[in-house]
Amino acid sequence: MKVTERLTAATPPFFSKLRNIGLLLTAISGALMGVPAIPAIVIKIAGYLAVAGTVMSGVSQATVLKEG
C-alpha cells in the first residue's frame, strides 16, 4: 500500500478520536507559545505538547481498517 493510499484510506473510529485529540494538543500548545508574558517552563511544556500532538495525529492518520 502506497503512503498516499494509506493516508486517504478509512481510519478506524478509535484512531480518528486519537487524531483529533492530537490536533487539539497541537492547537493548545501553539496558542500557549504565542502568549508573550508567560514563564519559560510553560513554553517548554507547550513545545513538548506540540511534538506529542503532532506525532499522535500523524500516526493515527496512517492507520487503516484493512490493508491491501
N, C-alpha and C. Protein backbone atom coordinates (compact mmCIF):
# COMPACT_ATOMS: atom_id res chain seq x y z
N MET A 1 0.84 -1.17 0.00
CA MET A 1 0.00 0.00 0.00
C MET A 1 0.89 1.24 0.00
N LYS A 2 0.65 2.15 -0.92
CA LYS A 2 1.43 3.38 -1.00
C LYS A 2 1.04 4.33 0.13
N VAL A 3 1.92 5.25 0.42
CA VAL A 3 1.69 6.19 1.51
C VAL A 3 0.46 7.05 1.24
N THR A 4 0.30 7.52 0.01
CA THR A 4 -0.86 8.35 -0.30
C THR A 4 -2.16 7.58 -0.15
N GLU A 5 -2.15 6.30 -0.53
CA GLU A 5 -3.34 5.47 -0.35
C GLU A 5 -3.63 5.25 1.13
N ARG A 6 -2.58 5.04 1.91
CA ARG A 6 -2.74 4.81 3.34
C ARG A 6 -3.31 6.05 4.03
N LEU A 7 -2.83 7.23 3.65
CA LEU A 7 -3.28 8.45 4.31
C LEU A 7 -4.70 8.84 3.91
N THR A 8 -5.17 8.38 2.76
CA THR A 8 -6.53 8.72 2.33
C THR A 8 -7.53 7.60 2.59
N ALA A 9 -7.08 6.44 3.10
CA ALA A 9 -7.98 5.33 3.38
C ALA A 9 -8.78 5.61 4.66
N ALA A 10 -9.79 4.79 4.88
CA ALA A 10 -10.65 4.95 6.06
C ALA A 10 -9.85 4.68 7.34
N THR A 11 -10.06 5.54 8.32
CA THR A 11 -9.38 5.43 9.61
C THR A 11 -10.34 4.82 10.62
N PRO A 12 -9.89 3.89 11.45
CA PRO A 12 -10.77 3.33 12.49
C PRO A 12 -11.26 4.41 13.45
N PRO A 13 -12.44 4.22 14.04
CA PRO A 13 -13.01 5.26 14.92
C PRO A 13 -12.12 5.64 16.10
N PHE A 14 -11.47 4.66 16.73
CA PHE A 14 -10.60 4.97 17.86
C PHE A 14 -9.47 5.90 17.44
N PHE A 15 -8.86 5.62 16.30
CA PHE A 15 -7.74 6.43 15.85
C PHE A 15 -8.19 7.79 15.32
N SER A 16 -9.45 7.89 14.86
CA SER A 16 -9.98 9.20 14.48
C SER A 16 -10.08 10.10 15.71
N LYS A 17 -10.57 9.54 16.82
CA LYS A 17 -10.66 10.31 18.06
C LYS A 17 -9.27 10.68 18.57
N LEU A 18 -8.35 9.73 18.48
CA LEU A 18 -6.98 9.99 18.92
C LEU A 18 -6.32 11.08 18.06
N ARG A 19 -6.59 11.05 16.76
CA ARG A 19 -6.06 12.08 15.86
C ARG A 19 -6.59 13.46 16.24
N ASN A 20 -7.89 13.53 16.55
CA ASN A 20 -8.49 14.81 16.92
C ASN A 20 -7.92 15.33 18.24
N ILE A 21 -7.65 14.43 19.18
CA ILE A 21 -7.03 14.84 20.44
C ILE A 21 -5.62 15.38 20.18
N GLY A 22 -4.89 14.73 19.29
CA GLY A 22 -3.55 15.21 18.94
C GLY A 22 -3.58 16.58 18.29
N LEU A 23 -4.56 16.80 17.42
CA LEU A 23 -4.70 18.12 16.80
C LEU A 23 -5.06 19.18 17.84
N LEU A 24 -5.89 18.81 18.81
CA LEU A 24 -6.25 19.73 19.88
C LEU A 24 -5.03 20.09 20.73
N LEU A 25 -4.22 19.09 21.07
CA LEU A 25 -3.00 19.36 21.83
C LEU A 25 -2.06 20.30 21.07
N THR A 26 -1.94 20.08 19.78
CA THR A 26 -1.08 20.93 18.97
C THR A 26 -1.61 22.36 18.92
N ALA A 27 -2.92 22.52 18.79
CA ALA A 27 -3.51 23.86 18.76
C ALA A 27 -3.34 24.58 20.09
N ILE A 28 -3.55 23.87 21.19
CA ILE A 28 -3.39 24.48 22.51
C ILE A 28 -1.94 24.91 22.74
N SER A 29 -1.01 24.04 22.34
CA SER A 29 0.40 24.40 22.54
C SER A 29 0.80 25.60 21.68
N GLY A 30 0.25 25.67 20.47
CA GLY A 30 0.54 26.84 19.63
C GLY A 30 0.00 28.12 20.23
N ALA A 31 -1.18 28.04 20.84
CA ALA A 31 -1.74 29.22 21.49
C ALA A 31 -0.91 29.63 22.70
N LEU A 32 -0.43 28.64 23.45
CA LEU A 32 0.40 28.96 24.62
C LEU A 32 1.73 29.58 24.22
N MET A 33 2.30 29.11 23.12
CA MET A 33 3.59 29.66 22.69
C MET A 33 3.45 31.08 22.17
N GLY A 34 2.25 31.47 21.77
CA GLY A 34 2.04 32.81 21.25
C GLY A 34 1.84 33.88 22.31
N VAL A 35 1.62 33.47 23.54
CA VAL A 35 1.41 34.44 24.62
C VAL A 35 2.77 34.97 25.07
N PRO A 36 2.96 36.29 25.05
CA PRO A 36 4.28 36.83 25.34
C PRO A 36 4.68 36.84 26.82
N ALA A 37 3.72 36.90 27.75
CA ALA A 37 4.07 37.10 29.15
C ALA A 37 3.81 35.85 30.00
N ILE A 38 4.38 34.71 29.58
CA ILE A 38 4.25 33.51 30.40
C ILE A 38 5.64 32.98 30.73
N PRO A 39 5.77 32.22 31.80
CA PRO A 39 7.09 31.71 32.20
C PRO A 39 7.69 30.77 31.15
N ALA A 40 8.98 30.66 31.20
CA ALA A 40 9.71 29.83 30.22
C ALA A 40 9.36 28.36 30.35
N ILE A 41 9.06 27.89 31.55
CA ILE A 41 8.72 26.49 31.74
C ILE A 41 7.42 26.13 31.02
N VAL A 42 6.48 27.08 30.98
CA VAL A 42 5.21 26.83 30.28
C VAL A 42 5.46 26.73 28.78
N ILE A 43 6.35 27.54 28.26
CA ILE A 43 6.68 27.47 26.83
C ILE A 43 7.38 26.15 26.52
N LYS A 44 8.23 25.69 27.43
CA LYS A 44 8.92 24.42 27.22
C LYS A 44 7.93 23.26 27.21
N ILE A 45 6.99 23.26 28.15
CA ILE A 45 5.96 22.22 28.19
C ILE A 45 5.08 22.29 26.95
N ALA A 46 4.75 23.49 26.49
CA ALA A 46 3.95 23.64 25.28
C ALA A 46 4.68 23.08 24.07
N GLY A 47 6.00 23.21 24.04
CA GLY A 47 6.78 22.63 22.95
C GLY A 47 6.69 21.11 22.95
N TYR A 48 6.76 20.52 24.15
CA TYR A 48 6.61 19.07 24.24
C TYR A 48 5.22 18.62 23.83
N LEU A 49 4.20 19.39 24.20
CA LEU A 49 2.83 19.08 23.79
C LEU A 49 2.67 19.16 22.28
N ALA A 50 3.33 20.12 21.67
CA ALA A 50 3.26 20.25 20.22
C ALA A 50 3.86 19.03 19.53
N VAL A 51 4.99 18.56 20.01
CA VAL A 51 5.61 17.37 19.42
C VAL A 51 4.74 16.15 19.64
N ALA A 52 4.23 15.98 20.85
CA ALA A 52 3.38 14.82 21.15
C ALA A 52 2.11 14.84 20.32
N GLY A 53 1.48 15.99 20.18
CA GLY A 53 0.26 16.10 19.39
C GLY A 53 0.49 15.84 17.92
N THR A 54 1.61 16.32 17.41
CA THR A 54 1.94 16.10 16.00
C THR A 54 2.19 14.63 15.71
N VAL A 55 2.95 13.98 16.56
CA VAL A 55 3.23 12.55 16.37
C VAL A 55 1.95 11.74 16.51
N MET A 56 1.13 12.06 17.51
CA MET A 56 -0.11 11.35 17.72
C MET A 56 -1.04 11.48 16.52
N SER A 57 -1.14 12.66 15.97
CA SER A 57 -2.00 12.88 14.81
C SER A 57 -1.47 12.16 13.57
N GLY A 58 -0.17 12.22 13.36
CA GLY A 58 0.41 11.58 12.19
C GLY A 58 0.29 10.07 12.21
N VAL A 59 0.56 9.48 13.35
CA VAL A 59 0.45 8.02 13.46
C VAL A 59 -1.00 7.58 13.35
N SER A 60 -1.89 8.32 13.97
CA SER A 60 -3.31 7.96 13.92
C SER A 60 -3.87 8.08 12.51
N GLN A 61 -3.42 9.05 11.75
CA GLN A 61 -3.91 9.21 10.39
C GLN A 61 -3.41 8.10 9.48
N ALA A 62 -2.28 7.51 9.81
CA ALA A 62 -1.69 6.47 8.94
C ALA A 62 -2.26 5.09 9.19
N THR A 63 -3.12 4.92 10.19
CA THR A 63 -3.73 3.61 10.43
C THR A 63 -4.92 3.41 9.49
N VAL A 64 -5.13 2.17 9.07
CA VAL A 64 -6.23 1.86 8.16
C VAL A 64 -7.04 0.69 8.72
N LEU A 65 -8.29 0.59 8.25
CA LEU A 65 -9.14 -0.52 8.68
C LEU A 65 -8.62 -1.85 8.15
N LYS A 66 -8.40 -1.91 6.84
CA LYS A 66 -7.88 -3.13 6.22
C LYS A 66 -6.80 -2.75 5.24
N GLU A 67 -5.68 -3.42 5.33
CA GLU A 67 -4.57 -3.14 4.42
C GLU A 67 -4.68 -4.03 3.19
N GLY A 68 -4.49 -3.41 2.05
CA GLY A 68 -4.48 -4.20 0.84
C GLY A 68 -5.56 -3.92 -0.11
